[in-house]
Amino acid sequence: MANVNPVGWFDINVANLDRAKKFYETVFNVKLTDAPIKWGKQSFFPFSPESQDISGALVEKADFVPSSNNTIVYFETEEITAVEQKVEAAGGKVIQPKMNIGEFGFISIFIDTEGNVVGLHSRN
């Protein structure tokens, strides 16, 4: 059995793509790229097809209501506390401040502008 990370992509379902895109670009200091319209309303997080790093997209669906019952996606960050401050300033809400998870580092959980529960992870 190979010891390879099986996660390859994630979708975060949103009610308002423009609002969600602004939130994530502000919090993580990244530029999201709109997908071709034939794929529906979605914007991709930065990625390179040649890289083994995972990436994902914000996906607006008319018949989907974002909620806290979604699977939690954890974003890697160098310093959780600084990102928590950006979350609050960008209109999100931290619901689990930085918490020690032992040898695996630290996590934090927040609610984005669309009502999705999303996590942060850092080694320090």
N, C-alpha and C. Protein backbone atom coordinates (compact mmCIF):
# COMPACT_ATOMS: atom_id res chain seq x y z
N MET A 1 0.85 -1.19 0.00
CA MET A 1 0.00 0.00 0.00
C MET A 1 0.89 1.24 0.00
N ALA A 2 0.63 2.15 -0.93
CA ALA A 2 1.41 3.38 -1.03
C ALA A 2 1.00 4.36 0.06
N ASN A 3 1.98 5.08 0.56
CA ASN A 3 1.72 6.10 1.58
C ASN A 3 1.66 7.46 0.90
N VAL A 4 0.56 7.70 0.17
CA VAL A 4 0.39 8.92 -0.61
C VAL A 4 -0.88 9.63 -0.15
N ASN A 5 -0.81 10.94 -0.07
CA ASN A 5 -1.99 11.72 0.30
C ASN A 5 -3.06 11.53 -0.77
N PRO A 6 -4.23 10.98 -0.42
CA PRO A 6 -5.26 10.73 -1.42
C PRO A 6 -6.08 11.95 -1.81
N VAL A 7 -5.93 13.06 -1.09
CA VAL A 7 -6.70 14.25 -1.41
C VAL A 7 -6.12 14.91 -2.65
N GLY A 8 -6.96 15.14 -3.63
CA GLY A 8 -6.48 15.74 -4.86
C GLY A 8 -7.17 17.03 -5.23
N TRP A 9 -8.37 17.26 -4.69
CA TRP A 9 -9.15 18.44 -5.05
C TRP A 9 -10.22 18.66 -4.01
N PHE A 10 -10.72 19.87 -3.90
CA PHE A 10 -11.87 20.13 -3.04
C PHE A 10 -12.75 21.18 -3.69
N ASP A 11 -14.03 21.10 -3.43
CA ASP A 11 -14.98 22.13 -3.82
C ASP A 11 -15.57 22.72 -2.55
N ILE A 12 -15.66 24.02 -2.50
CA ILE A 12 -16.39 24.69 -1.42
C ILE A 12 -17.61 25.31 -2.08
N ASN A 13 -18.78 24.82 -1.75
CA ASN A 13 -20.02 25.31 -2.34
C ASN A 13 -20.39 26.64 -1.71
N VAL A 14 -20.77 27.59 -2.56
CA VAL A 14 -21.09 28.94 -2.09
C VAL A 14 -22.38 29.43 -2.71
N ALA A 15 -23.02 30.38 -2.05
CA ALA A 15 -24.25 30.97 -2.56
C ALA A 15 -23.95 32.18 -3.44
N ASN A 16 -22.84 32.88 -3.20
CA ASN A 16 -22.50 34.08 -3.94
C ASN A 16 -21.01 34.02 -4.27
N LEU A 17 -20.68 33.66 -5.51
CA LEU A 17 -19.29 33.45 -5.92
C LEU A 17 -18.45 34.71 -5.76
N ASP A 18 -18.96 35.86 -6.16
CA ASP A 18 -18.17 37.09 -6.07
C ASP A 18 -17.81 37.40 -4.62
N ARG A 19 -18.77 37.29 -3.72
CA ARG A 19 -18.52 37.57 -2.31
C ARG A 19 -17.53 36.57 -1.72
N ALA A 20 -17.72 35.28 -2.02
CA ALA A 20 -16.83 34.24 -1.50
C ALA A 20 -15.41 34.39 -2.06
N LYS A 21 -15.32 34.70 -3.34
CA LYS A 21 -14.01 34.89 -3.99
C LYS A 21 -13.26 36.03 -3.30
N LYS A 22 -13.93 37.14 -3.06
CA LYS A 22 -13.29 38.28 -2.38
C LYS A 22 -12.82 37.87 -0.99
N PHE A 23 -13.65 37.12 -0.26
CA PHE A 23 -13.30 36.67 1.09
C PHE A 23 -12.02 35.84 1.07
N TYR A 24 -11.95 34.80 0.23
CA TYR A 24 -10.79 33.91 0.21
C TYR A 24 -9.54 34.59 -0.34
N GLU A 25 -9.70 35.47 -1.31
CA GLU A 25 -8.54 36.20 -1.82
C GLU A 25 -7.97 37.12 -0.73
N THR A 26 -8.84 37.73 0.06
CA THR A 26 -8.41 38.62 1.14
C THR A 26 -7.75 37.84 2.27
N VAL A 27 -8.37 36.77 2.71
CA VAL A 27 -7.85 36.01 3.85
C VAL A 27 -6.52 35.33 3.54
N PHE A 28 -6.40 34.72 2.36
CA PHE A 28 -5.21 33.94 2.05
C PHE A 28 -4.23 34.63 1.09
N ASN A 29 -4.53 35.89 0.73
CA ASN A 29 -3.65 36.65 -0.15
C ASN A 29 -3.29 35.87 -1.42
N VAL A 30 -4.33 35.36 -2.08
CA VAL A 30 -4.17 34.61 -3.33
C VAL A 30 -5.10 35.21 -4.37
N LYS A 31 -4.88 34.85 -5.62
CA LYS A 31 -5.74 35.26 -6.72
C LYS A 31 -6.46 34.03 -7.26
N LEU A 32 -7.78 34.01 -7.19
CA LEU A 32 -8.56 32.92 -7.74
C LEU A 32 -8.84 33.19 -9.21
N THR A 33 -8.94 32.13 -9.99
CA THR A 33 -9.15 32.23 -11.43
C THR A 33 -10.51 31.68 -11.79
N ASP A 34 -11.31 32.47 -12.52
CA ASP A 34 -12.63 32.01 -12.94
C ASP A 34 -12.49 30.88 -13.96
N ALA A 35 -13.33 29.86 -13.81
CA ALA A 35 -13.37 28.73 -14.73
C ALA A 35 -14.14 29.14 -15.99
N PRO A 36 -13.93 28.41 -17.07
CA PRO A 36 -14.76 28.66 -18.26
C PRO A 36 -16.24 28.53 -17.90
N ILE A 37 -17.07 29.43 -18.40
CA ILE A 37 -18.49 29.48 -18.04
C ILE A 37 -19.21 28.17 -18.33
N LYS A 38 -18.73 27.41 -19.31
CA LYS A 38 -19.38 26.13 -19.64
C LYS A 38 -19.29 25.13 -18.48
N TRP A 39 -18.39 25.38 -17.51
CA TRP A 39 -18.24 24.50 -16.35
C TRP A 39 -19.12 24.97 -15.19
N GLY A 40 -19.86 26.04 -15.39
CA GLY A 40 -20.66 26.59 -14.32
C GLY A 40 -19.90 27.71 -13.62
N LYS A 41 -20.54 28.35 -12.66
CA LYS A 41 -19.90 29.45 -11.94
C LYS A 41 -18.96 28.89 -10.88
N GLN A 42 -17.65 28.99 -11.15
CA GLN A 42 -16.67 28.57 -10.18
C GLN A 42 -15.35 29.29 -10.39
N SER A 43 -14.58 29.39 -9.32
CA SER A 43 -13.26 30.02 -9.36
C SER A 43 -12.27 29.08 -8.69
N PHE A 44 -11.11 28.92 -9.34
CA PHE A 44 -10.09 27.99 -8.86
C PHE A 44 -9.07 28.68 -7.95
N PHE A 45 -8.67 27.97 -6.90
CA PHE A 45 -7.53 28.39 -6.11
C PHE A 45 -6.28 28.14 -6.96
N PRO A 46 -5.16 28.84 -6.67
CA PRO A 46 -3.95 28.65 -7.47
C PRO A 46 -3.50 27.19 -7.48
N PHE A 47 -3.05 26.73 -8.65
CA PHE A 47 -2.51 25.38 -8.76
C PHE A 47 -1.71 25.24 -10.05
N SER A 48 -0.90 24.22 -10.08
CA SER A 48 -0.14 23.89 -11.28
C SER A 48 -0.45 22.44 -11.61
N PRO A 49 -0.87 22.14 -12.84
CA PRO A 49 -1.18 20.76 -13.21
C PRO A 49 0.00 19.81 -13.04
N GLU A 50 1.22 20.34 -13.06
CA GLU A 50 2.40 19.50 -12.92
C GLU A 50 2.75 19.21 -11.45
N SER A 51 2.16 19.95 -10.53
CA SER A 51 2.47 19.80 -9.11
C SER A 51 1.62 18.72 -8.46
N GLN A 52 2.14 18.13 -7.40
CA GLN A 52 1.36 17.16 -6.64
C GLN A 52 0.58 17.82 -5.51
N ASP A 53 0.73 19.14 -5.34
CA ASP A 53 -0.04 19.85 -4.32
C ASP A 53 -1.51 19.82 -4.71
N ILE A 54 -2.38 19.79 -3.72
CA ILE A 54 -3.81 19.79 -4.02
C ILE A 54 -4.32 21.21 -4.18
N SER A 55 -5.43 21.34 -4.83
CA SER A 55 -6.10 22.62 -4.95
C SER A 55 -7.59 22.37 -5.01
N GLY A 56 -8.35 23.42 -5.28
CA GLY A 56 -9.79 23.27 -5.33
C GLY A 56 -10.46 24.50 -5.88
N ALA A 57 -11.77 24.57 -5.69
CA ALA A 57 -12.54 25.66 -6.28
C ALA A 57 -13.69 26.07 -5.38
N LEU A 58 -14.10 27.33 -5.54
CA LEU A 58 -15.37 27.80 -5.01
C LEU A 58 -16.39 27.54 -6.10
N VAL A 59 -17.52 26.93 -5.76
CA VAL A 59 -18.51 26.55 -6.76
C VAL A 59 -19.87 27.11 -6.36
N GLU A 60 -20.44 27.98 -7.23
CA GLU A 60 -21.77 28.52 -6.97
C GLU A 60 -22.79 27.63 -7.64
N LYS A 61 -23.75 27.14 -6.85
CA LYS A 61 -24.82 26.30 -7.38
C LYS A 61 -26.14 26.87 -6.92
N ALA A 62 -27.05 27.08 -7.86
CA ALA A 62 -28.34 27.67 -7.53
C ALA A 62 -29.16 26.82 -6.57
N ASP A 63 -29.01 25.51 -6.66
CA ASP A 63 -29.84 24.62 -5.84
C ASP A 63 -29.14 24.13 -4.58
N PHE A 64 -27.99 24.73 -4.23
CA PHE A 64 -27.26 24.28 -3.05
C PHE A 64 -27.19 25.39 -2.02
N VAL A 65 -27.47 25.05 -0.78
CA VAL A 65 -27.37 26.01 0.31
C VAL A 65 -26.16 25.62 1.16
N PRO A 66 -25.10 26.45 1.20
CA PRO A 66 -23.94 26.13 2.03
C PRO A 66 -24.36 26.01 3.48
N SER A 67 -23.68 25.14 4.21
CA SER A 67 -24.01 24.96 5.62
C SER A 67 -22.80 24.47 6.38
N SER A 68 -22.95 24.42 7.68
CA SER A 68 -21.85 23.94 8.52
C SER A 68 -21.78 22.42 8.53
N ASN A 69 -22.62 21.74 7.77
CA ASN A 69 -22.60 20.29 7.71
C ASN A 69 -21.69 19.75 6.61
N ASN A 70 -21.00 20.64 5.90
CA ASN A 70 -20.08 20.21 4.85
C ASN A 70 -18.84 19.57 5.46
N THR A 71 -18.12 18.84 4.66
CA THR A 71 -16.83 18.33 5.06
C THR A 71 -15.91 19.52 5.29
N ILE A 72 -15.07 19.46 6.32
CA ILE A 72 -14.17 20.57 6.60
C ILE A 72 -12.88 20.41 5.81
N VAL A 73 -12.54 21.43 5.06
CA VAL A 73 -11.28 21.51 4.33
C VAL A 73 -10.34 22.34 5.19
N TYR A 74 -9.10 21.85 5.39
CA TYR A 74 -8.11 22.58 6.18
C TYR A 74 -7.07 23.21 5.25
N PHE A 75 -6.90 24.52 5.36
CA PHE A 75 -5.89 25.25 4.61
C PHE A 75 -4.62 25.32 5.45
N GLU A 76 -3.48 25.04 4.83
CA GLU A 76 -2.19 25.16 5.50
C GLU A 76 -1.81 26.63 5.60
N THR A 77 -1.22 27.01 6.73
CA THR A 77 -0.76 28.38 6.93
C THR A 77 0.45 28.36 7.86
N GLU A 78 1.26 29.38 7.76
CA GLU A 78 2.44 29.47 8.63
C GLU A 78 2.04 29.89 10.04
N GLU A 79 1.06 30.79 10.16
CA GLU A 79 0.70 31.34 11.46
C GLU A 79 -0.81 31.53 11.55
N ILE A 80 -1.46 30.68 12.29
CA ILE A 80 -2.92 30.67 12.37
C ILE A 80 -3.50 31.98 12.91
N THR A 81 -2.92 32.53 13.96
CA THR A 81 -3.50 33.71 14.59
C THR A 81 -3.63 34.88 13.61
N ALA A 82 -2.62 35.09 12.77
CA ALA A 82 -2.68 36.17 11.79
C ALA A 82 -3.80 35.92 10.78
N VAL A 83 -3.99 34.67 10.38
CA VAL A 83 -5.05 34.35 9.42
C VAL A 83 -6.42 34.50 10.09
N GLU A 84 -6.53 34.12 11.36
CA GLU A 84 -7.79 34.31 12.08
C GLU A 84 -8.21 35.79 12.06
N GLN A 85 -7.24 36.68 12.22
CA GLN A 85 -7.54 38.12 12.20
C GLN A 85 -8.05 38.54 10.82
N LYS A 86 -7.47 37.97 9.77
CA LYS A 86 -7.92 38.28 8.41
C LYS A 86 -9.33 37.74 8.18
N VAL A 87 -9.63 36.57 8.72
CA VAL A 87 -10.97 35.98 8.58
C VAL A 87 -12.01 36.94 9.14
N GLU A 88 -11.78 37.41 10.36
CA GLU A 88 -12.73 38.32 11.01
C GLU A 88 -12.85 39.63 10.23
N ALA A 89 -11.72 40.18 9.79
CA ALA A 89 -11.73 41.45 9.06
C ALA A 89 -12.43 41.33 7.71
N ALA A 90 -12.40 40.13 7.11
CA ALA A 90 -13.01 39.92 5.79
C ALA A 90 -14.48 39.52 5.88
N GLY A 91 -15.02 39.44 7.08
CA GLY A 91 -16.44 39.15 7.24
C GLY A 91 -16.76 37.74 7.69
N GLY A 92 -15.75 36.94 7.99
CA GLY A 92 -15.96 35.59 8.51
C GLY A 92 -15.99 35.60 10.03
N LYS A 93 -16.12 34.40 10.61
CA LYS A 93 -16.17 34.29 12.08
C LYS A 93 -15.38 33.07 12.54
N VAL A 94 -14.42 33.29 13.41
CA VAL A 94 -13.65 32.19 13.99
C VAL A 94 -14.53 31.53 15.06
N ILE A 95 -14.75 30.22 14.92
CA ILE A 95 -15.58 29.50 15.90
C ILE A 95 -14.75 28.57 16.79
N GLN A 96 -13.54 28.25 16.38
CA GLN A 96 -12.61 27.48 17.21
C GLN A 96 -11.24 28.14 17.06
N PRO A 97 -10.88 29.00 18.01
CA PRO A 97 -9.57 29.65 17.92
C PRO A 97 -8.44 28.61 17.93
N LYS A 98 -7.26 29.07 17.59
CA LYS A 98 -6.07 28.22 17.53
C LYS A 98 -6.04 27.24 18.69
N MET A 99 -5.90 25.96 18.33
CA MET A 99 -5.94 24.88 19.32
C MET A 99 -4.79 23.91 19.04
N ASN A 100 -4.09 23.52 20.08
CA ASN A 100 -2.98 22.57 19.97
C ASN A 100 -3.53 21.17 19.72
N ILE A 101 -2.98 20.49 18.70
CA ILE A 101 -3.36 19.10 18.45
C ILE A 101 -2.13 18.18 18.58
N GLY A 102 -1.29 18.53 19.54
CA GLY A 102 -0.13 17.70 19.86
C GLY A 102 0.93 17.69 18.78
N GLU A 103 1.44 16.53 18.50
CA GLU A 103 2.55 16.40 17.54
C GLU A 103 2.19 16.84 16.13
N PHE A 104 0.90 17.02 15.85
CA PHE A 104 0.46 17.40 14.51
C PHE A 104 0.33 18.91 14.33
N GLY A 105 0.59 19.69 15.37
CA GLY A 105 0.58 21.14 15.24
C GLY A 105 -0.64 21.80 15.84
N PHE A 106 -1.29 22.66 15.07
CA PHE A 106 -2.41 23.46 15.56
C PHE A 106 -3.49 23.55 14.48
N ILE A 107 -4.73 23.70 14.93
CA ILE A 107 -5.84 23.93 14.02
C ILE A 107 -6.69 25.09 14.53
N SER A 108 -7.50 25.62 13.65
CA SER A 108 -8.48 26.63 13.95
C SER A 108 -9.63 26.39 12.97
N ILE A 109 -10.84 26.76 13.37
CA ILE A 109 -11.99 26.57 12.49
C ILE A 109 -12.78 27.87 12.42
N PHE A 110 -13.20 28.21 11.19
CA PHE A 110 -13.96 29.44 11.00
C PHE A 110 -15.14 29.19 10.07
N ILE A 111 -16.06 30.17 10.07
CA ILE A 111 -17.19 30.18 9.14
C ILE A 111 -16.93 31.29 8.13
N ASP A 112 -17.00 30.94 6.83
CA ASP A 112 -16.76 31.94 5.79
C ASP A 112 -18.01 32.79 5.55
N THR A 113 -17.95 33.69 4.60
CA THR A 113 -19.07 34.59 4.32
C THR A 113 -20.28 33.87 3.75
N GLU A 114 -20.11 32.60 3.35
CA GLU A 114 -21.20 31.83 2.76
C GLU A 114 -21.83 30.86 3.74
N GLY A 115 -21.29 30.79 4.98
CA GLY A 115 -21.82 29.87 5.98
C GLY A 115 -21.10 28.54 6.04
N ASN A 116 -20.04 28.36 5.23
CA ASN A 116 -19.27 27.12 5.25
C ASN A 116 -18.31 27.10 6.43
N VAL A 117 -18.12 25.94 7.03
CA VAL A 117 -17.14 25.75 8.08
C VAL A 117 -15.85 25.28 7.42
N VAL A 118 -14.75 26.02 7.66
CA VAL A 118 -13.46 25.76 7.03
C VAL A 118 -12.40 25.76 8.12
N GLY A 119 -11.34 24.96 7.94
CA GLY A 119 -10.29 24.87 8.93
C GLY A 119 -8.96 25.45 8.48
N LEU A 120 -8.13 25.74 9.46
CA LEU A 120 -6.74 26.15 9.24
C LEU A 120 -5.85 25.14 9.95
N HIS A 121 -4.65 24.89 9.41
CA HIS A 121 -3.69 24.01 10.05
C HIS A 121 -2.30 24.63 9.94
N SER A 122 -1.53 24.52 11.00
CA SER A 122 -0.13 24.95 10.96
C SER A 122 0.68 24.01 11.84
N ARG A 123 1.97 23.97 11.58
CA ARG A 123 2.88 23.16 12.39
C ARG A 123 3.32 23.89 13.63
N ASN A 124 3.18 25.23 13.65
CA ASN A 124 3.60 26.01 14.83
C ASN A 124 2.61 27.09 15.16
